[in-house]
Amino acid sequence: MNETVNALELAGSVSHDMSIWGLFLQADWIVKTVMLMLIAASIWSWAIIYDKAMSLKRAQKAVKAFESSFWSGGSLEELYDRIHGQQTDPMGAVFVAAMREWRRSAAKGLSGDGSLRANLRQRVDQAMAVSIGREMARLERFMTFLASVGSTAPFIGLFGTVWGIMNSFQSIAASKNTSLAVVAPGIAEALFATALGLVAAIPAVVAYNKISNDLSRFANQLDAFAVEFSAILSRQLDEER
């Protein structure tokens, strides 16, 4: 009886730091590893989110500037000569790819050959499709990481929680003390891992859905430009018959 009373008194006298930093320091090394992984994933996710937001904003701004030049009524040859050697925007890159293929064929005298006009249209369309794919792949870089964090972070946090709760029950069994003062710190440490998993996953999922939607609209915008520019070149071919 006296031993039980002494154990309870000892448990009540042990102070536990229940702050976030304290919970991290007092956690098992496996739980600490899980927490560090989730914190790193969250920081990297926010870096990707910021980079994608800025990249899309710059790309949209550059596309508007290019469309203004393209639809201004000026010469397409002059526009190509002005931008083809520069680091241009995605839509400008599609335009340059098409014009480069067009000029190669024109230099060989193929644009006016009726038997080869269909092949020229196909090559121009393929050049634009390849350019769109390349530009979208660049913009979509690291998106799979956001998707992975959003889908796996809660389970990684749950693993840390389960491990921490197992340690808490082992401590209870070893001390034969079911006092809340003994159980609470270990449970709090374990649940903190789950909280970190959600903190990493929720922004990643929301940002992934938002950025994916924006990228899809941007890809559709490039596809629409490619169709319009292909029609312009097709009309020019027909006029050269």
C-alpha atoms as a PDB file:
ATOM      1  CA  MET A   1       0.000   0.000   0.000  1.00  0.00           C
ATOM      2  CA  ASN A   2       2.771   2.377   0.917  1.00  0.00           C
ATOM      3  CA  GLU A   3       4.622   1.531  -2.315  1.00  0.00           C
ATOM      4  CA  THR A   4       1.556   2.387  -4.387  1.00  0.00           C
ATOM      5  CA  VAL A   5       1.102   5.701  -2.567  1.00  0.00           C
ATOM      6  CA  ASN A   6       4.770   6.522  -3.098  1.00  0.00           C
ATOM      7  CA  ALA A   7       4.516   5.705  -6.823  1.00  0.00           C
ATOM      8  CA  LEU A   8       1.502   7.967  -7.195  1.00  0.00           C
ATOM      9  CA  GLU A   9       3.217  10.755  -5.307  1.00  0.00           C
ATOM     10  CA  LEU A  10       6.322  10.344  -7.495  1.00  0.00           C
ATOM     11  CA  ALA A  11       4.236  10.443 -10.671  1.00  0.00           C
ATOM     12  CA  GLY A  12       2.476  13.569  -9.506  1.00  0.00           C
ATOM     13  CA  SER A  13       5.753  15.234  -8.621  1.00  0.00           C
ATOM     14  CA  VAL A  14       7.325  14.649 -12.067  1.00  0.00           C
ATOM     15  CA  SER A  15       6.812  17.736 -14.195  1.00  0.00           C
ATOM     16  CA  HIS A  16       6.174  17.361 -17.896  1.00  0.00           C
ATOM     17  CA  ASP A  17       6.627  20.176 -20.380  1.00  0.00           C
ATOM     18  CA  MET A  18       3.403  20.115 -22.387  1.00  0.00           C
ATOM     19  CA  SER A  19       4.508  22.828 -24.822  1.00  0.00           C
ATOM     20  CA  ILE A  20       5.076  21.930 -28.474  1.00  0.00           C
ATOM     21  CA  TRP A  21       8.846  22.041 -28.036  1.00  0.00           C
ATOM     22  CA  GLY A  22       8.608  20.027 -24.843  1.00  0.00           C
ATOM     23  CA  LEU A  23       6.453  17.360 -26.479  1.00  0.00           C
ATOM     24  CA  PHE A  24       9.011  17.041 -29.256  1.00  0.00           C
ATOM     25  CA  LEU A  25      11.980  16.739 -26.897  1.00  0.00           C
ATOM     26  CA  GLN A  26      10.269  14.178 -24.678  1.00  0.00           C
ATOM     27  CA  ALA A  27       9.121  11.983 -27.583  1.00  0.00           C
ATOM     28  CA  ASP A  28      10.639   8.628 -28.497  1.00  0.00           C
ATOM     29  CA  TRP A  29      13.360   8.806 -31.168  1.00  0.00           C
ATOM     30  CA  ILE A  30      11.122   7.078 -33.718  1.00  0.00           C
ATOM     31  CA  VAL A  31       8.338   9.573 -33.043  1.00  0.00           C
ATOM     32  CA  LYS A  32      10.889  12.389 -33.287  1.00  0.00           C
ATOM     33  CA  THR A  33      11.991  11.053 -36.674  1.00  0.00           C
ATOM     34  CA  VAL A  34       8.379  11.011 -37.860  1.00  0.00           C
ATOM     35  CA  MET A  35       7.874  14.572 -36.637  1.00  0.00           C
ATOM     36  CA  LEU A  36      11.021  15.812 -38.368  1.00  0.00           C
ATOM     37  CA  MET A  37       9.989  14.118 -41.619  1.00  0.00           C
ATOM     38  CA  LEU A  38       6.568  15.764 -41.474  1.00  0.00           C
ATOM     39  CA  ILE A  39       8.012  19.177 -40.655  1.00  0.00           C
ATOM     40  CA  ALA A  40      10.473  18.900 -43.554  1.00  0.00           C
ATOM     41  CA  ALA A  41       7.684  17.766 -45.903  1.00  0.00           C
ATOM     42  CA  SER A  42       5.507  20.684 -44.816  1.00  0.00           C
ATOM     43  CA  ILE A  43       8.296  23.245 -45.367  1.00  0.00           C
ATOM     44  CA  TRP A  44       9.138  21.802 -48.788  1.00  0.00           C
ATOM     45  CA  SER A  45       5.442  21.733 -49.727  1.00  0.00           C
ATOM     46  CA  TRP A  46       5.048  25.411 -48.896  1.00  0.00           C
ATOM     47  CA  ALA A  47       8.176  26.196 -50.938  1.00  0.00           C
ATOM     48  CA  ILE A  48       6.681  24.359 -53.933  1.00  0.00           C
ATOM     49  CA  ILE A  49       3.317  26.070 -53.452  1.00  0.00           C
ATOM     50  CA  TYR A  50       4.954  29.504 -53.443  1.00  0.00           C
ATOM     51  CA  ASP A  51       7.131  28.678 -56.448  1.00  0.00           C
ATOM     52  CA  LYS A  52       4.170  27.377 -58.479  1.00  0.00           C
ATOM     53  CA  ALA A  53       2.014  30.371 -57.609  1.00  0.00           C
ATOM     54  CA  MET A  54       4.753  32.785 -58.703  1.00  0.00           C
ATOM     55  CA  SER A  55       5.591  30.760 -61.831  1.00  0.00           C
ATOM     56  CA  LEU A  56       1.976  30.699 -62.970  1.00  0.00           C
ATOM     57  CA  LYS A  57       1.588  34.395 -62.272  1.00  0.00           C
ATOM     58  CA  ARG A  58       4.693  35.222 -64.325  1.00  0.00           C
ATOM     59  CA  ALA A  59       3.616  32.876 -67.120  1.00  0.00           C
ATOM     60  CA  GLN A  60       0.143  34.421 -67.358  1.00  0.00           C
ATOM     61  CA  LYS A  61       1.615  37.907 -67.414  1.00  0.00           C
ATOM     62  CA  ALA A  62       4.084  36.951 -70.147  1.00  0.00           C
ATOM     63  CA  VAL A  63       1.358  35.236 -72.183  1.00  0.00           C
ATOM     64  CA  LYS A  64      -0.799  38.374 -72.083  1.00  0.00           C
ATOM     65  CA  ALA A  65       2.148  40.420 -73.332  1.00  0.00           C
ATOM     66  CA  PHE A  66       2.790  37.922 -76.140  1.00  0.00           C
ATOM     67  CA  GLU A  67      -0.873  37.793 -77.174  1.00  0.00           C
ATOM     68  CA  SER A  68      -0.895  41.578 -77.346  1.00  0.00           C
ATOM     69  CA  SER A  69       2.032  41.477 -79.788  1.00  0.00           C
ATOM     70  CA  PHE A  70       0.702  38.499 -81.728  1.00  0.00           C
ATOM     71  CA  TRP A  71      -2.770  39.925 -82.316  1.00  0.00           C
ATOM     72  CA  SER A  72      -1.567  43.495 -82.916  1.00  0.00           C
ATOM     73  CA  GLY A  73      -1.634  42.963 -86.676  1.00  0.00           C
ATOM     74  CA  GLY A  74       2.132  43.129 -87.117  1.00  0.00           C
ATOM     75  CA  SER A  75       4.237  40.780 -89.172  1.00  0.00           C
ATOM     76  CA  LEU A  76       4.608  37.297 -87.718  1.00  0.00           C
ATOM     77  CA  GLU A  77       8.031  37.025 -89.347  1.00  0.00           C
ATOM     78  CA  GLU A  78       9.201  40.135 -87.501  1.00  0.00           C
ATOM     79  CA  LEU A  79       7.761  38.816 -84.242  1.00  0.00           C
ATOM     80  CA  TYR A  80       9.622  35.549 -84.720  1.00  0.00           C
ATOM     81  CA  ASP A  81      12.889  37.352 -85.506  1.00  0.00           C
ATOM     82  CA  ARG A  82      12.493  39.412 -82.351  1.00  0.00           C
ATOM     83  CA  ILE A  83      11.794  36.643 -79.838  1.00  0.00           C
ATOM     84  CA  HIS A  84      13.185  33.372 -81.219  1.00  0.00           C
ATOM     85  CA  GLY A  85      16.590  33.770 -79.601  1.00  0.00           C
ATOM     86  CA  GLN A  86      15.245  34.818 -76.210  1.00  0.00           C
ATOM     87  CA  GLN A  87      13.982  32.954 -73.156  1.00  0.00           C
ATOM     88  CA  THR A  88      10.337  33.424 -73.999  1.00  0.00           C
ATOM     89  CA  ASP A  89       7.017  32.603 -72.335  1.00  0.00           C
ATOM     90  CA  PRO A  90       5.221  29.248 -72.897  1.00  0.00           C
ATOM     91  CA  MET A  91       2.946  30.598 -75.613  1.00  0.00           C
ATOM     92  CA  GLY A  92       5.855  32.348 -77.272  1.00  0.00           C
ATOM     93  CA  ALA A  93       7.772  29.060 -77.195  1.00  0.00           C
ATOM     94  CA  VAL A  94       4.882  27.343 -79.005  1.00  0.00           C
ATOM     95  CA  PHE A  95       4.860  30.118 -81.605  1.00  0.00           C
ATOM     96  CA  VAL A  96       8.633  29.882 -82.098  1.00  0.00           C
ATOM     97  CA  ALA A  97       8.489  26.091 -82.526  1.00  0.00           C
ATOM     98  CA  ALA A  98       5.800  26.402 -85.204  1.00  0.00           C
ATOM     99  CA  MET A  99       7.537  29.225 -87.058  1.00  0.00           C
ATOM    100  CA  ARG A 100      10.878  27.394 -86.971  1.00  0.00           C
ATOM    101  CA  GLU A 101       9.330  24.370 -88.666  1.00  0.00           C
ATOM    102  CA  TRP A 102       7.505  26.645 -91.104  1.00  0.00           C
ATOM    103  CA  ARG A 103      10.715  28.445 -92.080  1.00  0.00           C
ATOM    104  CA  ARG A 104      12.634  25.208 -92.549  1.00  0.00           C
ATOM    105  CA  SER A 105      10.016  24.027 -95.032  1.00  0.00           C
ATOM    106  CA  ALA A 106       9.824  27.421 -96.738  1.00  0.00           C
ATOM    107  CA  ALA A 107      13.605  27.461 -97.157  1.00  0.00           C
ATOM    108  CA  LYS A 108      13.368  24.124 -98.969  1.00  0.00           C
ATOM    109  CA  GLY A 109      10.557  25.406-101.188  1.00  0.00           C
ATOM    110  CA  LEU A 110       8.029  22.926 -99.806  1.00  0.00           C
ATOM    111  CA  SER A 111       5.316  25.289 -98.614  1.00  0.00           C
ATOM    112  CA  GLY A 112       3.944  25.802-102.111  1.00  0.00           C
ATOM    113  CA  ASP A 113       4.148  22.153-103.138  1.00  0.00           C
ATOM    114  CA  GLY A 114       0.608  20.834-103.089  1.00  0.00           C
ATOM    115  CA  SER A 115       1.684  17.260-102.449  1.00  0.00           C
ATOM    116  CA  LEU A 116       3.582  18.249 -99.299  1.00  0.00           C
ATOM    117  CA  ARG A 117       1.296  20.862 -97.775  1.00  0.00           C
ATOM    118  CA  ALA A 118      -0.562  18.296 -95.651  1.00  0.00           C
ATOM    119  CA  ASN A 119       2.722  16.963 -94.298  1.00  0.00           C
ATOM    120  CA  LEU A 120       3.852  20.485 -93.476  1.00  0.00           C
ATOM    121  CA  ARG A 121       0.668  21.151 -91.510  1.00  0.00           C
ATOM    122  CA  GLN A 122       1.207  17.908 -89.609  1.00  0.00           C
ATOM    123  CA  ARG A 123       4.826  18.767 -88.790  1.00  0.00           C
ATOM    124  CA  VAL A 124       3.866  22.223 -87.569  1.00  0.00           C
ATOM    125  CA  ASP A 125       1.118  20.773 -85.372  1.00  0.00           C
ATOM    126  CA  GLN A 126       3.522  18.188 -83.984  1.00  0.00           C
ATOM    127  CA  ALA A 127       6.133  20.864 -83.260  1.00  0.00           C
ATOM    128  CA  MET A 128       3.559  22.877 -81.316  1.00  0.00           C
ATOM    129  CA  ALA A 129       2.326  19.798 -79.454  1.00  0.00           C
ATOM    130  CA  VAL A 130       5.876  18.904 -78.403  1.00  0.00           C
ATOM    131  CA  SER A 131       6.503  22.477 -77.272  1.00  0.00           C
ATOM    132  CA  ILE A 132       3.284  22.529 -75.226  1.00  0.00           C
ATOM    133  CA  GLY A 133       4.217  19.236 -73.604  1.00  0.00           C
ATOM    134  CA  ARG A 134       7.684  20.535 -72.743  1.00  0.00           C
ATOM    135  CA  GLU A 135       6.374  23.780 -71.261  1.00  0.00           C
ATOM    136  CA  MET A 136       3.687  22.045 -69.218  1.00  0.00           C
ATOM    137  CA  ALA A 137       6.170  19.475 -67.916  1.00  0.00           C
ATOM    138  CA  ARG A 138       8.327  22.345 -66.674  1.00  0.00           C
ATOM    139  CA  LEU A 139       5.384  24.027 -64.960  1.00  0.00           C
ATOM    140  CA  GLU A 140       4.138  20.748 -63.446  1.00  0.00           C
ATOM    141  CA  ARG A 141       7.509  19.877 -61.909  1.00  0.00           C
ATOM    142  CA  PHE A 142       7.285  18.772 -58.239  1.00  0.00           C
ATOM    143  CA  MET A 143       3.493  18.498 -58.378  1.00  0.00           C
ATOM    144  CA  THR A 144       3.798  14.781 -57.646  1.00  0.00           C
ATOM    145  CA  PHE A 145       5.518  15.666 -54.381  1.00  0.00           C
ATOM    146  CA  LEU A 146       2.486  17.704 -53.281  1.00  0.00           C
ATOM    147  CA  ALA A 147       0.211  14.812 -54.182  1.00  0.00           C
ATOM    148  CA  SER A 148       2.419  12.375 -52.254  1.00  0.00           C
ATOM    149  CA  VAL A 149       2.491  14.563 -49.147  1.00  0.00           C
ATOM    150  CA  GLY A 150      -1.261  15.047 -49.274  1.00  0.00           C
ATOM    151  CA  SER A 151      -1.926  11.319 -49.477  1.00  0.00           C
ATOM    152  CA  THR A 152       0.774   9.917 -47.175  1.00  0.00           C
ATOM    153  CA  ALA A 153       1.411  12.535 -44.470  1.00  0.00           C
ATOM    154  CA  PRO A 154      -1.681  11.606 -42.368  1.00  0.00           C
ATOM    155  CA  PHE A 155      -0.630   7.943 -42.362  1.00  0.00           C
ATOM    156  CA  ILE A 156       2.959   8.808 -41.458  1.00  0.00           C
ATOM    157  CA  GLY A 157       1.624  10.898 -38.582  1.00  0.00           C
ATOM    158  CA  LEU A 158      -0.675   8.053 -37.591  1.00  0.00           C
ATOM    159  CA  PHE A 159       2.305   5.700 -37.469  1.00  0.00           C
ATOM    160  CA  GLY A 160       4.019   8.072 -35.049  1.00  0.00           C
ATOM    161  CA  THR A 161       0.854   8.231 -32.973  1.00  0.00           C
ATOM    162  CA  VAL A 162       0.489   4.461 -32.768  1.00  0.00           C
ATOM    163  CA  TRP A 163       4.138   4.069 -31.829  1.00  0.00           C
ATOM    164  CA  GLY A 164       3.867   6.751 -29.152  1.00  0.00           C
ATOM    165  CA  ILE A 165       0.731   5.193 -27.654  1.00  0.00           C
ATOM    166  CA  MET A 166       2.452   1.798 -27.576  1.00  0.00           C
ATOM    167  CA  ASN A 167       5.304   3.380 -25.611  1.00  0.00           C
ATOM    168  CA  SER A 168       2.795   4.949 -23.216  1.00  0.00           C
ATOM    169  CA  PHE A 169       1.143   1.604 -22.518  1.00  0.00           C
ATOM    170  CA  GLN A 170       4.532   0.013 -21.997  1.00  0.00           C
ATOM    171  CA  SER A 171       5.354   2.732 -19.457  1.00  0.00           C
ATOM    172  CA  ILE A 172       2.057   2.084 -17.682  1.00  0.00           C
ATOM    173  CA  ALA A 173       2.770  -1.652 -17.569  1.00  0.00           C
ATOM    174  CA  ALA A 174       6.297  -1.086 -16.261  1.00  0.00           C
ATOM    175  CA  SER A 175       5.271   1.371 -13.528  1.00  0.00           C
ATOM    176  CA  LYS A 176       1.926  -0.327 -12.815  1.00  0.00           C
ATOM    177  CA  ASN A 177       0.502   3.161 -12.512  1.00  0.00           C
ATOM    178  CA  THR A 178      -2.576   4.222 -14.464  1.00  0.00           C
ATOM    179  CA  SER A 179      -2.559   7.780 -13.186  1.00  0.00           C
ATOM    180  CA  LEU A 180      -3.453  10.432 -15.778  1.00  0.00           C
ATOM    181  CA  ALA A 181      -0.187  12.172 -14.962  1.00  0.00           C
ATOM    182  CA  VAL A 182       1.655   9.123 -16.296  1.00  0.00           C
ATOM    183  CA  VAL A 183      -0.516   8.546 -19.364  1.00  0.00           C
ATOM    184  CA  ALA A 184      -1.172  12.122 -20.534  1.00  0.00           C
ATOM    185  CA  PRO A 185       2.351  13.176 -21.634  1.00  0.00           C
ATOM    186  CA  GLY A 186       2.889  10.088 -23.799  1.00  0.00           C
ATOM    187  CA  ILE A 187      -0.567  10.375 -25.365  1.00  0.00           C
ATOM    188  CA  ALA A 188       0.006  14.070 -26.047  1.00  0.00           C
ATOM    189  CA  GLU A 189       3.334  13.335 -27.749  1.00  0.00           C
ATOM    190  CA  ALA A 190       1.684  10.662 -29.877  1.00  0.00           C
ATOM    191  CA  LEU A 191      -1.224  12.874 -30.918  1.00  0.00           C
ATOM    192  CA  PHE A 192       1.202  15.660 -31.775  1.00  0.00           C
ATOM    193  CA  ALA A 193       2.551  13.436 -34.573  1.00  0.00           C
ATOM    194  CA  THR A 194      -0.964  13.099 -36.006  1.00  0.00           C
ATOM    195  CA  ALA A 195      -1.421  16.871 -35.819  1.00  0.00           C
ATOM    196  CA  LEU A 196       1.811  17.403 -37.748  1.00  0.00           C
ATOM    197  CA  GLY A 197       0.638  14.925 -40.373  1.00  0.00           C
ATOM    198  CA  LEU A 198      -2.547  16.919 -40.886  1.00  0.00           C
ATOM    199  CA  VAL A 199      -0.642  20.216 -40.906  1.00  0.00           C
ATOM    200  CA  ALA A 200       1.514  18.857 -43.745  1.00  0.00           C
ATOM    201  CA  ALA A 201      -1.277  17.131 -45.670  1.00  0.00           C
ATOM    202  CA  ILE A 202      -4.121  19.663 -45.688  1.00  0.00           C
ATOM    203  CA  PRO A 203      -2.259  22.574 -47.378  1.00  0.00           C
ATOM    204  CA  ALA A 204      -0.650  20.139 -49.816  1.00  0.00           C
ATOM    205  CA  VAL A 205      -4.022  18.705 -50.886  1.00  0.00           C
ATOM    206  CA  VAL A 206      -5.710  22.106 -51.207  1.00  0.00           C
ATOM    207  CA  ALA A 207      -2.766  23.588 -53.107  1.00  0.00           C
ATOM    208  CA  TYR A 208      -2.463  20.551 -55.379  1.00  0.00           C
ATOM    209  CA  ASN A 209      -6.122  20.780 -56.403  1.00  0.00           C
ATOM    210  CA  LYS A 210      -5.933  24.544 -56.945  1.00  0.00           C
ATOM    211  CA  ILE A 211      -2.642  24.497 -58.873  1.00  0.00           C
ATOM    212  CA  SER A 212      -3.704  21.472 -60.952  1.00  0.00           C
ATOM    213  CA  ASN A 213      -6.864  23.327 -61.960  1.00  0.00           C
ATOM    214  CA  ASP A 214      -4.855  26.432 -62.888  1.00  0.00           C
ATOM    215  CA  LEU A 215      -2.379  24.344 -64.882  1.00  0.00           C
ATOM    216  CA  SER A 216      -5.215  22.608 -66.707  1.00  0.00           C
ATOM    217  CA  ARG A 217      -6.704  25.962 -67.725  1.00  0.00           C
ATOM    218  CA  PHE A 218      -3.281  27.182 -68.822  1.00  0.00           C
ATOM    219  CA  ALA A 219      -2.736  24.046 -70.929  1.00  0.00           C
ATOM    220  CA  ASN A 220      -6.137  24.582 -72.557  1.00  0.00           C
ATOM    221  CA  GLN A 221      -5.106  28.158 -73.317  1.00  0.00           C
ATOM    222  CA  LEU A 222      -1.949  26.946 -75.061  1.00  0.00           C
ATOM    223  CA  ASP A 223      -3.914  24.294 -76.973  1.00  0.00           C
ATOM    224  CA  ALA A 224      -6.410  26.915 -78.145  1.00  0.00           C
ATOM    225  CA  PHE A 225      -3.588  29.160 -79.357  1.00  0.00           C
ATOM    226  CA  ALA A 226      -1.993  26.225 -81.207  1.00  0.00           C
ATOM    227  CA  VAL A 227      -5.282  25.503 -82.994  1.00  0.00           C
ATOM    228  CA  GLU A 228      -5.727  29.180 -83.947  1.00  0.00           C
ATOM    229  CA  PHE A 229      -2.150  29.545 -85.149  1.00  0.00           C
ATOM    230  CA  SER A 230      -2.398  26.311 -87.118  1.00  0.00           C
ATOM    231  CA  ALA A 231      -5.486  27.703 -88.854  1.00  0.00           C
ATOM    232  CA  ILE A 232      -3.611  30.905 -89.701  1.00  0.00           C
ATOM    233  CA  LEU A 233      -0.731  28.975 -91.242  1.00  0.00           C
ATOM    234  CA  SER A 234      -3.150  26.698 -93.088  1.00  0.00           C
ATOM    235  CA  ARG A 235      -4.894  29.699 -94.650  1.00  0.00           C
ATOM    236  CA  GLN A 236      -1.529  31.086 -95.693  1.00  0.00           C
ATOM    237  CA  LEU A 237      -0.652  27.780 -97.350  1.00  0.00           C
ATOM    238  CA  ASP A 238      -3.933  27.808 -99.254  1.00  0.00           C
ATOM    239  CA  GLU A 239      -3.243  31.360-100.459  1.00  0.00           C
ATOM    240  CA  GLU A 240       0.134  30.273-101.811  1.00  0.00           C
ATOM    241  CA  ARG A 241      -1.359  27.686-104.148  1.00  0.00           C
END
